[in-house]
Amino acid sequence: MTWIMLTCDDSLLDAMRTRPQTIDAVIQVMQAIDALLPDNDGLKWFNRLYLQVTRAVEGALASNAFGDAPWMAELDVRFAGLYFDAVSAFLRGDATPDCWRADRRRPSPAFSSLWPG
């Protein structure tokens, strides 16, 4: 497999260097990732989808849609941290958890340069 290294790897790592503690901070990191990546990068589109979900969770929290809002907010922040950790690991050339790899049975051009498969 040929790896496509992003020209903005260092900038991406910098954007994810500090672990977010709030949903607003998670959104800021995701917006930074979106701004750094070119439109032909699969990570940009995964990140953008994830950003939409995170904004929806933020909106649902604001409207008291969850029975345990603090728990849901913490879950959102912690899970985003796992996502940022996986992307950072990939960019450093470290192993990434299987759950963050593209599905080997269904190759996707959008994810072909994302994580090892």
Foldseek 3Di string as FASTA:
>chain_A
DDADADPCLVVLCVLLVDQDDWLVSLLSSLVSVLVRDDPLALVNVVSVVLSVVSVVLVVCLVVVVDPDSVVSGRVSSVVSNLVSVQQNCVSVVHDHDPVPADDPVDDDSNRPNRHDD
